Protein backbone atom coordinates (compact mmCIF):
# COMPACT_ATOMS: atom_id res chain seq x y z
CA MET A 1 246.65 55.52 60.29
CA THR A 2 248.58 58.55 59.03
CA ILE A 3 251.00 58.52 56.10
CA LYS A 4 253.91 59.15 58.47
CA SER A 5 253.11 56.23 60.74
CA LEU A 6 252.55 53.98 57.73
CA ILE A 7 255.96 54.84 56.31
CA LEU A 8 257.58 54.27 59.72
CA SER A 9 255.90 50.87 60.01
CA VAL A 10 257.13 49.86 56.58
CA LEU A 11 260.68 50.93 57.47
CA VAL A 12 260.60 48.96 60.72
CA VAL A 13 259.38 45.84 58.93
CA PHE A 14 262.08 46.30 56.30
CA VAL A 15 264.79 46.63 58.93
CA VAL A 16 263.52 43.62 60.85
CA THR A 17 263.64 41.47 57.75
CA THR A 18 267.16 42.58 56.89
CA SER A 19 268.76 43.15 60.26
CA PHE A 20 270.27 39.70 60.40
CA ALA A 21 272.43 40.25 57.33
CA GLN A 22 275.83 41.86 57.73
CA ALA A 23 274.82 45.47 58.24
CA ASN A 24 275.72 48.13 55.69
CA LEU A 25 277.66 45.70 53.52
CA LEU A 26 276.37 47.03 50.20
CA ASN A 27 276.49 50.69 51.24
CA ALA A 28 279.91 50.78 52.90
CA LYS A 29 282.43 53.12 51.31
CA SER A 30 285.31 51.62 53.30
CA PRO A 31 285.91 48.36 55.17
CA GLU A 32 285.52 50.22 58.46
CA GLU A 33 281.90 51.01 57.64
CA ILE A 34 280.93 47.36 57.22
CA GLY A 35 278.78 46.32 60.16
CA VAL A 36 277.93 49.86 61.25
CA LYS A 37 274.18 50.11 61.75
CA THR A 38 271.84 53.04 61.50
CA GLU A 39 270.01 54.31 64.56
CA LEU A 40 266.79 52.69 63.35
CA GLN A 41 268.53 49.34 62.92
CA MET A 42 270.07 49.58 66.36
CA LEU A 43 266.69 50.45 67.87
CA VAL A 44 264.97 47.48 66.23
CA ASP A 45 267.79 45.09 67.16
CA ASN A 46 267.57 46.09 70.81
CA ASP A 47 265.71 42.93 71.73
CA ARG A 48 266.03 40.05 74.11
CA PRO A 49 265.73 36.30 73.69
CA LEU A 50 262.18 35.02 73.92
CA GLU A 51 261.40 34.52 77.58
CA TYR A 52 260.55 31.03 78.74
CA GLY A 53 257.63 32.05 80.86
CA TYR A 54 256.70 30.90 84.33
CA VAL A 55 255.90 27.22 84.87
CA ASP A 56 254.33 26.32 88.19
CA ASP A 57 255.59 23.12 89.78
CA ARG A 58 251.99 21.94 90.14
CA ASP A 59 251.57 22.11 86.36
CA ILE A 60 254.38 19.60 85.76
CA LEU A 61 252.69 16.23 85.47
CA TYR A 62 255.81 14.37 84.40
CA SER A 63 259.50 15.15 84.07
CA LYS A 64 262.73 13.39 83.20
CA MET A 65 266.23 14.85 83.37
CA THR A 66 268.62 13.79 80.64
CA TRP A 67 272.23 14.44 79.69
CA GLU A 68 273.07 14.46 75.98
CA LYS A 69 276.32 14.41 74.08
CA VAL A 70 276.36 16.51 70.90
CA VAL A 71 279.20 15.18 68.75
CA LEU A 72 280.56 17.94 66.51
CA ASP A 73 281.69 15.55 63.78
CA GLU A 74 278.09 15.27 62.62
CA ARG A 75 277.15 17.63 59.82
CA VAL A 76 273.97 18.84 61.51
CA ASN A 77 276.10 20.05 64.45
CA PHE A 78 278.61 22.00 62.33
CA PRO A 79 277.01 25.40 63.20
CA LEU A 80 278.11 24.84 66.81
CA TYR A 81 281.67 23.97 65.80
CA TYR A 82 282.79 26.22 62.96
CA PRO A 83 284.66 28.43 62.35
CA VAL A 84 287.69 27.02 64.15
CA GLU A 85 290.01 29.80 62.92
CA ARG A 86 289.83 33.40 64.07
CA ASN A 87 292.10 34.74 61.33
CA ASN A 88 291.22 35.29 57.69
CA ILE A 89 287.50 35.37 58.43
CA GLY A 90 284.92 38.03 59.19
CA ARG A 91 284.83 39.40 62.72
CA ASP A 92 281.18 38.42 63.04
CA ARG A 93 282.02 34.74 62.58
CA ARG A 94 282.88 32.99 65.82
CA SER A 95 282.37 29.47 67.09
CA LEU A 96 280.27 28.81 70.16
CA TYR A 97 283.36 27.97 72.19
CA ASP A 98 285.08 31.23 71.25
CA VAL A 99 281.94 33.18 72.14
CA LEU A 100 281.88 31.61 75.60
CA LEU A 101 285.61 31.85 76.23
CA ASP A 102 285.89 35.49 75.12
CA TYR A 103 283.14 36.45 77.52
CA ILE A 104 284.63 34.38 80.34
CA LYS A 105 288.09 35.91 79.90
CA ASP A 106 287.31 39.61 79.58
CA GLY A 107 283.55 40.05 79.44
CA THR A 108 283.59 41.15 75.79
CA ILE A 109 280.71 40.43 73.49
CA THR A 110 281.94 40.17 69.93
CA ALA A 111 278.65 41.00 68.29
CA ASN A 112 278.15 44.01 70.52
CA GLU A 113 281.53 45.68 70.78
CA GLU A 114 283.23 44.99 67.46
CA PHE A 115 280.36 45.81 65.14
CA GLY A 116 278.59 48.69 66.75
CA ASN A 117 275.44 46.66 67.27
CA TYR A 118 273.27 48.10 69.99
CA TYR A 119 271.79 45.82 72.62
CA ASP A 120 270.54 46.37 76.11
CA MET A 121 273.10 44.40 78.07
CA ASP A 122 271.72 44.76 81.57
CA GLY A 123 271.71 40.98 81.90
CA LEU A 124 275.37 40.70 80.91
CA ASP A 125 277.82 42.14 83.40
CA GLY A 126 280.97 40.35 82.25
CA ASP A 127 280.87 37.93 85.19
CA LEU A 128 279.82 34.46 84.08
CA ASN A 129 279.45 31.76 86.69
CA LEU A 130 281.33 28.56 85.91
CA TYR A 131 280.73 25.22 87.60
CA ASP A 132 282.69 22.01 87.86
CA ASP A 133 279.73 19.68 87.33
CA SER A 134 276.24 19.58 85.89
CA TYR A 135 274.61 19.94 89.29
CA PHE A 136 275.98 23.49 89.64
CA THR A 137 277.11 22.95 93.21
CA THR A 138 280.69 24.28 93.11
CA LYS A 139 281.59 27.51 91.35
CA ARG A 140 284.84 27.92 89.47
CA THR A 141 286.76 30.93 88.20
CA LEU A 142 288.88 31.31 85.10
CA GLU A 143 291.97 30.78 87.24
CA ASP A 144 290.52 27.52 88.56
CA ILE A 145 289.97 26.06 85.10
CA GLN A 146 293.17 27.42 83.58
CA ASP A 147 294.97 24.11 84.12
CA ALA A 148 292.26 22.35 82.13
CA LEU A 149 292.60 24.81 79.23
CA THR A 150 296.38 25.26 79.00
CA LYS A 151 299.47 23.07 79.06
CA VAL A 152 302.99 24.42 79.49
CA ASP A 153 305.89 22.11 78.68
CA THR A 154 309.65 22.41 78.23
CA LEU A 155 311.68 20.86 75.43
CA ASP A 156 314.58 18.55 76.23
CA ILE A 157 317.04 21.21 75.11
CA GLY A 158 315.38 23.54 77.60
CA TYR A 159 316.10 21.11 80.44
CA GLU A 160 319.71 20.87 79.29
CA GLN A 161 320.00 24.65 79.30
CA PHE A 162 318.46 24.83 82.77
CA ASN A 163 320.91 22.25 84.14
CA ALA A 164 323.83 24.12 82.61
CA GLU A 165 322.83 27.77 83.10
CA GLY A 166 319.91 27.75 85.52
CA ILE A 167 317.61 29.50 83.05
CA VAL A 168 315.35 28.46 80.17
CA ASP A 169 314.87 30.62 77.09
CA ALA A 170 311.27 31.28 76.09
CA GLU A 171 311.84 29.57 72.73
CA TYR A 172 312.23 26.24 74.54
CA ILE A 173 308.96 26.55 76.40
CA ILE A 174 305.86 25.25 74.62
CA ARG A 175 302.45 26.59 75.54
CA ARG A 176 299.45 24.64 74.24
CA GLU A 177 295.93 25.99 74.71
CA ILE A 178 292.66 24.31 73.89
CA SER A 179 291.04 26.08 70.96
CA SER A 180 287.80 25.70 69.02
CA PHE A 181 289.53 23.15 66.80
CA ASP A 182 289.98 20.84 69.82
CA ILE A 183 286.35 20.92 70.98
CA SER A 184 284.87 17.60 69.92
CA ALA A 185 281.49 17.68 71.65
CA TYR A 186 279.09 19.61 73.85
CA LEU A 187 277.40 18.07 76.85
CA ILE A 188 273.88 19.33 77.42
CA LYS A 189 271.73 18.85 80.49
CA GLY A 190 268.02 19.37 80.02
CA LEU A 191 264.61 18.59 81.43
CA TRP A 192 261.77 17.00 79.51
CA TYR A 193 258.48 17.84 81.19
CA PHE A 194 254.78 17.50 80.46
CA ASP A 195 252.89 20.73 81.08
CA LYS A 196 249.38 19.67 81.98
CA ARG A 197 248.08 23.22 81.65
CA GLN A 198 249.05 23.30 77.98
CA ALA A 199 248.86 19.52 77.51
CA GLU A 200 252.27 19.45 75.84
CA LEU A 201 255.62 17.76 76.28
CA LYS A 202 258.37 20.40 76.41
CA TYR A 203 262.11 20.60 76.80
CA ARG A 204 264.23 23.09 78.73
CA ILE A 205 268.02 23.31 78.57
CA LEU A 206 269.57 23.77 81.99
CA GLY A 207 273.30 23.51 81.39
CA ILE A 208 275.92 23.17 78.69
CA ALA A 209 279.60 22.23 78.74
CA PRO A 210 282.23 22.21 75.97
CA ALA A 211 284.15 18.94 75.93
CA ALA A 212 287.67 18.28 74.65
CA PRO A 213 290.47 15.77 75.27
CA ASP A 214 292.63 16.25 78.34
CA VAL A 215 295.01 19.08 77.46
CA ASN A 216 297.95 17.04 78.79
CA PHE A 217 297.29 14.29 76.22
CA ILE A 218 295.56 16.29 73.52
CA ASP A 219 298.24 15.61 70.90
CA SER A 220 298.55 11.93 71.77
CA ASP A 221 298.00 9.31 69.07
CA ASP A 222 296.40 6.98 71.60
CA GLU A 223 292.62 7.18 71.15
CA ALA A 224 292.11 6.18 74.79
CA ASN A 225 293.65 9.51 75.82
CA ARG A 226 291.48 11.53 73.44
CA ALA A 227 288.13 10.88 75.09
CA PRO A 228 286.38 14.27 75.54
CA ILE A 229 285.90 15.57 79.06
CA PRO A 230 283.88 18.64 80.09
CA LEU A 231 286.05 21.73 80.54
CA PHE A 232 283.45 23.61 82.59
CA TRP A 233 279.68 23.82 82.98
CA VAL A 234 277.56 26.95 82.65
CA PHE A 235 273.96 27.42 83.73
CA TYR A 236 272.18 27.98 80.44
CA PRO A 237 269.76 30.76 81.50
CA ASP A 238 272.85 32.79 82.49
CA ILE A 239 274.14 32.88 78.91
CA ARG A 240 270.93 33.28 76.89
CA ASP A 241 271.49 37.00 76.36
CA LEU A 242 275.04 36.31 75.23
CA LEU A 243 274.05 33.57 72.78
CA HIS A 244 271.13 35.63 71.49
CA VAL A 245 273.40 38.36 70.10
CA ASN A 246 275.99 35.98 68.64
CA MET A 247 275.06 34.36 65.37
CA SER A 248 275.91 31.09 63.74
CA PHE A 249 276.32 30.78 59.99
CA ASN A 250 273.23 29.70 58.05
CA ASN A 251 274.44 27.51 55.21
CA LYS A 252 271.13 27.83 53.34
CA ASN A 253 270.95 31.63 53.49
CA SER A 254 273.94 33.66 54.66
CA ALA A 255 271.73 36.77 54.88
CA LYS A 256 269.80 35.13 57.73
CA PRO A 257 272.23 33.80 60.34
CA VAL A 258 270.71 32.03 63.33
CA SER A 259 271.52 32.85 66.94
CA PHE A 260 273.15 30.17 69.08
CA ASP A 261 270.29 30.55 71.54
CA HIS A 262 267.77 29.67 68.84
CA ILE A 263 269.78 26.67 67.64
CA LEU A 264 269.92 25.19 71.12
CA ASN A 265 266.38 26.00 72.26
CA ALA A 266 264.88 24.80 68.99
CA ARG A 267 266.99 21.61 69.25
CA ARG A 268 268.52 22.15 65.84
CA PHE A 269 271.24 19.67 66.73
CA ASN A 270 271.61 15.94 67.07
CA GLY A 271 272.72 14.34 70.29
CA TYR A 272 272.44 11.03 72.05
CA VAL A 273 271.47 10.49 75.67
CA TYR A 274 274.39 9.23 77.71
CA ARG A 275 272.77 9.63 81.11
CA GLU A 276 269.37 10.02 82.74
CA GLU A 277 268.29 10.64 86.30
CA ASN A 278 267.68 7.31 88.01
CA VAL A 279 267.61 5.60 91.36
CA GLN A 280 271.23 4.43 90.96
CA GLY A 281 272.58 7.93 91.50
CA ASP A 282 272.03 9.11 87.93
CA ARG A 283 274.48 6.55 86.58
CA SER A 284 275.60 6.80 82.97
CA ILE A 285 274.59 4.32 80.31
CA LYS A 286 278.17 3.11 79.98
CA ASP A 287 278.09 2.09 83.66
CA TYR A 288 275.55 -0.66 82.98
CA VAL A 289 276.03 -1.20 79.25
CA SER A 290 279.78 -1.49 78.92
CA ASP A 291 282.11 -2.20 76.00
CA ASN A 292 279.34 -2.23 73.42
CA ALA A 293 278.81 1.05 71.58
CA LEU A 294 275.87 -0.28 69.55
CA MET A 295 273.95 -1.38 72.64
CA GLN A 296 274.69 1.97 74.28
CA LEU A 297 273.14 3.80 71.31
CA MET A 298 270.14 1.49 71.44
CA GLU A 299 269.73 2.22 75.15
CA SER A 300 269.89 5.93 74.37
CA ASP A 301 267.12 5.52 71.80
CA ARG A 302 265.10 3.51 74.32
CA ILE A 303 265.25 6.39 76.81
CA LYS A 304 264.16 8.88 74.15
CA GLU A 305 261.32 6.61 73.08
CA LYS A 306 260.20 6.19 76.69
CA ILE A 307 259.91 9.96 77.07
CA ARG A 308 258.05 10.38 73.78
CA ASN A 309 255.67 7.54 74.60
CA PHE A 310 254.55 9.28 77.77
CA GLU A 311 253.06 12.10 75.72
CA GLN A 312 251.52 9.67 73.25
CA ASP A 313 249.96 7.64 76.07
CA MET A 314 248.23 10.76 77.39
CA TRP A 315 245.85 10.64 74.45
CA SER A 316 243.25 8.04 73.52
CA TYR A 317 242.31 7.39 69.94
């Protein structure tokens, strides 16, 4: 190995180990230079999420589809929820919901366009498929889901003005949009499967949906009206490139933020099973264990234990 190639290798390793920090923070001579990367940094960061690899159907010895609810009130799930404000915070800090919604609305990728980060975005064309359920049967557009994201109401004084003058001033019209603050949970659909070729139980996320109270009752004091409902579903493999370039804050080391794709694929979240595929049309747990939250959680744990036990039963001791 020549001296030149050795030096280049050392530089590449150095950039790889530091590329996750906010680029050029200590060398910036003005705020505009913060986040601007060198050509070498951009070259090294031009990567893709780790591919899943091909799994032949004949290699799947066992599988079980589950639906999980990830409640964002739990501390372990905070990286998927915060920050809920877009102002007075760095431009590289966005919640998972804002990352998805920004891309759905105008195809922009915060990490790519605002910070000069270089990524090969062939897999991201600004057109994200939305679905109305977790079976991905019916596609939706942003216009289709707009009613679920926005509420427009008129104050009483606005109705009085309309009855008197036939017009309503804009100041009497209230527009309420669902924001990151309102997202209370994520619904995740995934498949547990036993790969007999590798003799290992694995998990693959298939879909994810942000959930929030109905926008028409979102400010209601009645808890019955604040139950979270899915706003839209997305097929997870469609958004892996997007989530790979958007980072979540790492509370243990802010120099090493973690991508949303890694958080979800590594199951660095806590959720409970609220539904599994079954002969009764994939009914939810609440459909056969009603009005008892404790028993519903116990049933969720029973389903998880049943899946784990399959792998354990494959081995003899």
